[in-house]
Amino acid sequence: MDPVFSHTSSSGVQAARDDKLMQAARELEASFLAEMLKSAGLGKTRDSFGGGVGEDQFSSLLVREQARSMVENGGIGLAQSLFEALKERDNEVI
């Protein structure tokens, strides 16, 4: 086997693993932010002029998407810390 090819293919595999780890880290950060936004009161139905049952049903989806948007725009840095921890753990397993 050509050594250049095997290096390229192993680095390609590692890059794919890193992408999956980063995606998992971003999802974890988004979940964390969604819970923080809910705790802060975002998504609660207003007492007056609220949207009723429909608003209650879809507010959690809105909060989740807002959290994902926050992560895509830099977030709070939690995803990077999680990625590094997951990558370190992944490297120990290999």
N, C-alpha and C. Protein backbone atom coordinates (compact mmCIF):
# COMPACT_ATOMS: atom_id res chain seq x y z
N MET A 1 0.85 -1.19 0.00
CA MET A 1 0.00 0.00 0.00
C MET A 1 0.88 1.24 0.00
N ASP A 2 0.51 2.22 -0.75
CA ASP A 2 1.25 3.47 -0.85
C ASP A 2 1.16 4.23 0.48
N PRO A 3 2.30 4.62 1.11
CA PRO A 3 2.26 5.29 2.40
C PRO A 3 1.52 6.63 2.35
N VAL A 4 1.61 7.34 1.24
CA VAL A 4 0.90 8.61 1.12
C VAL A 4 -0.60 8.39 1.14
N PHE A 5 -1.05 7.35 0.43
CA PHE A 5 -2.48 7.05 0.39
C PHE A 5 -2.99 6.65 1.77
N SER A 6 -2.23 5.81 2.47
CA SER A 6 -2.70 5.37 3.78
C SER A 6 -2.74 6.54 4.76
N HIS A 7 -1.79 7.47 4.66
CA HIS A 7 -1.81 8.65 5.54
C HIS A 7 -3.01 9.53 5.22
N THR A 8 -3.25 9.73 3.92
CA THR A 8 -4.38 10.56 3.50
C THR A 8 -5.70 9.93 3.94
N SER A 9 -5.82 8.63 3.77
CA SER A 9 -7.08 7.99 4.14
C SER A 9 -7.28 7.99 5.64
N SER A 10 -6.22 7.80 6.42
CA SER A 10 -6.38 7.83 7.88
C SER A 10 -6.67 9.24 8.37
N SER A 11 -6.07 10.25 7.75
CA SER A 11 -6.37 11.62 8.15
C SER A 11 -7.79 12.01 7.72
N GLY A 12 -8.26 11.44 6.60
CA GLY A 12 -9.64 11.66 6.17
C GLY A 12 -10.62 11.04 7.13
N VAL A 13 -10.29 9.86 7.63
CA VAL A 13 -11.13 9.19 8.61
C VAL A 13 -11.15 10.00 9.90
N GLN A 14 -9.98 10.49 10.31
CA GLN A 14 -9.90 11.29 11.54
C GLN A 14 -10.69 12.59 11.39
N ALA A 15 -10.62 13.20 10.21
CA ALA A 15 -11.37 14.43 9.98
C ALA A 15 -12.87 14.17 10.06
N ALA A 16 -13.32 13.03 9.53
CA ALA A 16 -14.74 12.68 9.60
C ALA A 16 -15.15 12.44 11.05
N ARG A 17 -14.29 11.78 11.83
CA ARG A 17 -14.58 11.56 13.25
C ARG A 17 -14.64 12.89 14.00
N ASP A 18 -13.70 13.78 13.68
CA ASP A 18 -13.69 15.10 14.32
C ASP A 18 -14.97 15.88 14.00
N ASP A 19 -15.43 15.78 12.75
CA ASP A 19 -16.68 16.46 12.36
C ASP A 19 -17.86 15.93 13.17
N LYS A 20 -17.91 14.61 13.35
CA LYS A 20 -19.00 14.02 14.13
C LYS A 20 -18.91 14.44 15.59
N LEU A 21 -17.69 14.47 16.14
CA LEU A 21 -17.52 14.90 17.52
C LEU A 21 -17.93 16.36 17.70
N MET A 22 -17.55 17.22 16.75
CA MET A 22 -17.90 18.63 16.84
C MET A 22 -19.41 18.81 16.73
N GLN A 23 -20.05 18.05 15.86
CA GLN A 23 -21.51 18.14 15.74
C GLN A 23 -22.18 17.72 17.04
N ALA A 24 -21.68 16.65 17.66
CA ALA A 24 -22.23 16.21 18.95
C ALA A 24 -22.03 17.29 20.01
N ALA A 25 -20.86 17.91 20.01
CA ALA A 25 -20.57 18.98 20.99
C ALA A 25 -21.50 20.17 20.78
N ARG A 26 -21.76 20.52 19.53
CA ARG A 26 -22.68 21.63 19.23
C ARG A 26 -24.10 21.31 19.67
N GLU A 27 -24.53 20.07 19.46
CA GLU A 27 -25.86 19.67 19.89
C GLU A 27 -25.98 19.73 21.41
N LEU A 28 -24.94 19.30 22.12
CA LEU A 28 -24.95 19.38 23.57
C LEU A 28 -25.01 20.83 24.05
N GLU A 29 -24.24 21.71 23.39
CA GLU A 29 -24.28 23.12 23.76
C GLU A 29 -25.67 23.70 23.49
N ALA A 30 -26.26 23.33 22.36
CA ALA A 30 -27.61 23.82 22.03
C ALA A 30 -28.63 23.35 23.06
N SER A 31 -28.51 22.10 23.50
CA SER A 31 -29.42 21.59 24.53
C SER A 31 -29.25 22.35 25.83
N PHE A 32 -28.01 22.60 26.20
CA PHE A 32 -27.72 23.36 27.41
C PHE A 32 -28.32 24.77 27.32
N LEU A 33 -28.08 25.44 26.19
CA LEU A 33 -28.59 26.79 26.02
C LEU A 33 -30.13 26.82 26.01
N ALA A 34 -30.74 25.81 25.40
CA ALA A 34 -32.21 25.75 25.37
C ALA A 34 -32.75 25.65 26.79
N GLU A 35 -32.12 24.84 27.63
CA GLU A 35 -32.57 24.73 29.02
C GLU A 35 -32.35 26.04 29.77
N MET A 36 -31.26 26.72 29.50
CA MET A 36 -31.00 28.01 30.15
C MET A 36 -32.02 29.05 29.71
N LEU A 37 -32.36 29.05 28.42
CA LEU A 37 -33.36 29.99 27.92
C LEU A 37 -34.73 29.72 28.53
N LYS A 38 -35.07 28.43 28.67
CA LYS A 38 -36.34 28.08 29.31
C LYS A 38 -36.35 28.54 30.77
N SER A 39 -35.24 28.34 31.46
CA SER A 39 -35.14 28.77 32.86
C SER A 39 -35.25 30.28 33.00
N ALA A 40 -34.78 30.98 31.98
CA ALA A 40 -34.86 32.45 32.00
C ALA A 40 -36.26 32.95 31.66
N GLY A 41 -37.14 32.04 31.26
CA GLY A 41 -38.52 32.43 30.98
C GLY A 41 -38.84 32.58 29.51
N LEU A 42 -37.88 32.36 28.64
CA LEU A 42 -38.16 32.46 27.21
C LEU A 42 -39.08 31.31 26.80
N GLY A 43 -40.12 31.62 26.11
CA GLY A 43 -41.06 30.60 25.66
C GLY A 43 -42.26 30.44 26.56
N LYS A 44 -42.30 31.18 27.67
CA LYS A 44 -43.48 31.11 28.53
C LYS A 44 -44.61 31.92 27.90
N THR A 45 -45.82 31.42 28.05
CA THR A 45 -46.99 32.12 27.52
C THR A 45 -47.25 33.36 28.36
N ARG A 46 -47.47 34.47 27.69
CA ARG A 46 -47.80 35.71 28.39
C ARG A 46 -49.20 35.63 28.95
N ASP A 47 -49.42 36.29 30.07
CA ASP A 47 -50.75 36.27 30.69
C ASP A 47 -51.80 36.97 29.83
N SER A 48 -51.43 38.09 29.23
CA SER A 48 -52.40 38.80 28.40
C SER A 48 -51.94 38.77 26.95
N PHE A 49 -52.87 38.63 26.08
CA PHE A 49 -52.63 38.60 24.63
C PHE A 49 -51.67 37.47 24.23
N GLY A 50 -51.77 36.35 24.91
CA GLY A 50 -50.95 35.19 24.58
C GLY A 50 -51.51 34.47 23.36
N GLY A 51 -50.75 33.53 22.84
CA GLY A 51 -51.15 32.79 21.65
C GLY A 51 -51.95 31.55 21.94
N GLY A 52 -52.24 31.31 23.20
CA GLY A 52 -53.07 30.16 23.55
C GLY A 52 -52.35 28.84 23.46
N VAL A 53 -53.11 27.80 23.16
CA VAL A 53 -52.59 26.43 23.13
C VAL A 53 -51.51 26.27 22.06
N GLY A 54 -51.71 26.88 20.91
CA GLY A 54 -50.73 26.78 19.83
C GLY A 54 -49.37 27.32 20.23
N GLU A 55 -49.39 28.45 20.92
CA GLU A 55 -48.13 29.03 21.38
C GLU A 55 -47.44 28.10 22.37
N ASP A 56 -48.20 27.53 23.27
CA ASP A 56 -47.63 26.60 24.25
C ASP A 56 -46.98 25.40 23.57
N GLN A 57 -47.63 24.89 22.53
CA GLN A 57 -47.13 23.69 21.86
C GLN A 57 -45.86 23.95 21.07
N PHE A 58 -45.72 25.12 20.50
CA PHE A 58 -44.58 25.39 19.63
C PHE A 58 -43.48 26.21 20.28
N SER A 59 -43.69 26.70 21.49
CA SER A 59 -42.67 27.53 22.12
C SER A 59 -41.38 26.76 22.39
N SER A 60 -41.47 25.48 22.73
CA SER A 60 -40.24 24.70 22.98
C SER A 60 -39.43 24.54 21.69
N LEU A 61 -40.13 24.41 20.55
CA LEU A 61 -39.42 24.32 19.27
C LEU A 61 -38.71 25.63 18.95
N LEU A 62 -39.36 26.74 19.24
CA LEU A 62 -38.76 28.05 19.00
C LEU A 62 -37.53 28.24 19.87
N VAL A 63 -37.63 27.88 21.14
CA VAL A 63 -36.49 28.01 22.06
C VAL A 63 -35.33 27.16 21.58
N ARG A 64 -35.61 25.93 21.14
CA ARG A 64 -34.57 25.02 20.65
C ARG A 64 -33.86 25.61 19.42
N GLU A 65 -34.63 26.16 18.49
CA GLU A 65 -34.03 26.75 17.29
C GLU A 65 -33.23 28.01 17.62
N GLN A 66 -33.70 28.79 18.59
CA GLN A 66 -32.94 29.96 19.00
C GLN A 66 -31.61 29.53 19.62
N ALA A 67 -31.63 28.45 20.40
CA ALA A 67 -30.39 27.93 20.99
C ALA A 67 -29.44 27.44 19.90
N ARG A 68 -29.97 26.75 18.90
CA ARG A 68 -29.12 26.28 17.78
C ARG A 68 -28.52 27.46 17.03
N SER A 69 -29.31 28.50 16.83
CA SER A 69 -28.82 29.70 16.16
C SER A 69 -27.69 30.36 16.96
N MET A 70 -27.86 30.37 18.27
CA MET A 70 -26.80 30.93 19.12
C MET A 70 -25.51 30.14 18.96
N VAL A 71 -25.60 28.82 18.92
CA VAL A 71 -24.42 27.97 18.76
C VAL A 71 -23.76 28.21 17.41
N GLU A 72 -24.57 28.31 16.35
CA GLU A 72 -24.03 28.54 15.01
C GLU A 72 -23.32 29.89 14.91
N ASN A 73 -23.71 30.83 15.75
CA ASN A 73 -23.10 32.16 15.73
C ASN A 73 -22.06 32.35 16.82
N GLY A 74 -21.49 31.26 17.30
CA GLY A 74 -20.39 31.34 18.26
C GLY A 74 -20.71 30.79 19.63
N GLY A 75 -21.97 30.82 20.01
CA GLY A 75 -22.37 30.26 21.30
C GLY A 75 -21.62 30.86 22.47
N ILE A 76 -21.43 30.04 23.49
CA ILE A 76 -20.73 30.49 24.69
C ILE A 76 -19.39 29.79 24.85
N GLY A 77 -18.97 29.04 23.84
CA GLY A 77 -17.68 28.35 23.89
C GLY A 77 -17.74 26.96 24.49
N LEU A 78 -18.90 26.54 24.89
CA LEU A 78 -19.05 25.23 25.49
C LEU A 78 -18.78 24.11 24.49
N ALA A 79 -19.21 24.29 23.25
CA ALA A 79 -19.02 23.27 22.22
C ALA A 79 -17.54 22.97 22.01
N GLN A 80 -16.71 24.00 21.99
CA GLN A 80 -15.27 23.79 21.77
C GLN A 80 -14.67 23.00 22.93
N SER A 81 -15.05 23.33 24.16
CA SER A 81 -14.54 22.60 25.32
C SER A 81 -15.00 21.15 25.30
N LEU A 82 -16.28 20.95 24.96
CA LEU A 82 -16.80 19.59 24.85
C LEU A 82 -16.10 18.82 23.74
N PHE A 83 -15.86 19.46 22.61
CA PHE A 83 -15.17 18.82 21.49
C PHE A 83 -13.78 18.35 21.90
N GLU A 84 -13.05 19.23 22.56
CA GLU A 84 -11.69 18.87 22.98
C GLU A 84 -11.70 17.70 23.96
N ALA A 85 -12.66 17.69 24.89
CA ALA A 85 -12.77 16.58 25.84
C ALA A 85 -13.16 15.28 25.13
N LEU A 86 -14.12 15.37 24.20
CA LEU A 86 -14.53 14.19 23.46
C LEU A 86 -13.41 13.66 22.58
N LYS A 87 -12.66 14.57 21.96
CA LYS A 87 -11.56 14.17 21.09
C LYS A 87 -10.46 13.49 21.91
N GLU A 88 -10.17 14.03 23.07
CA GLU A 88 -9.16 13.43 23.94
C GLU A 88 -9.59 12.02 24.35
N ARG A 89 -10.85 11.88 24.71
CA ARG A 89 -11.37 10.57 25.11
C ARG A 89 -11.37 9.62 23.93
N ASP A 90 -11.73 10.10 22.74
CA ASP A 90 -11.74 9.28 21.53
C ASP A 90 -10.33 8.80 21.20
N ASN A 91 -9.34 9.67 21.36
CA ASN A 91 -7.96 9.30 21.09
C ASN A 91 -7.44 8.24 22.06
N GLU A 92 -7.95 8.28 23.31
CA GLU A 92 -7.55 7.26 24.29
C GLU A 92 -8.10 5.90 23.93
N VAL A 93 -9.30 5.88 23.36
CA VAL A 93 -9.95 4.62 23.00
C VAL A 93 -9.25 3.98 21.82
N ILE A 94 -8.80 4.78 20.89
CA ILE A 94 -8.14 4.27 19.69
C ILE A 94 -6.80 3.80 20.04
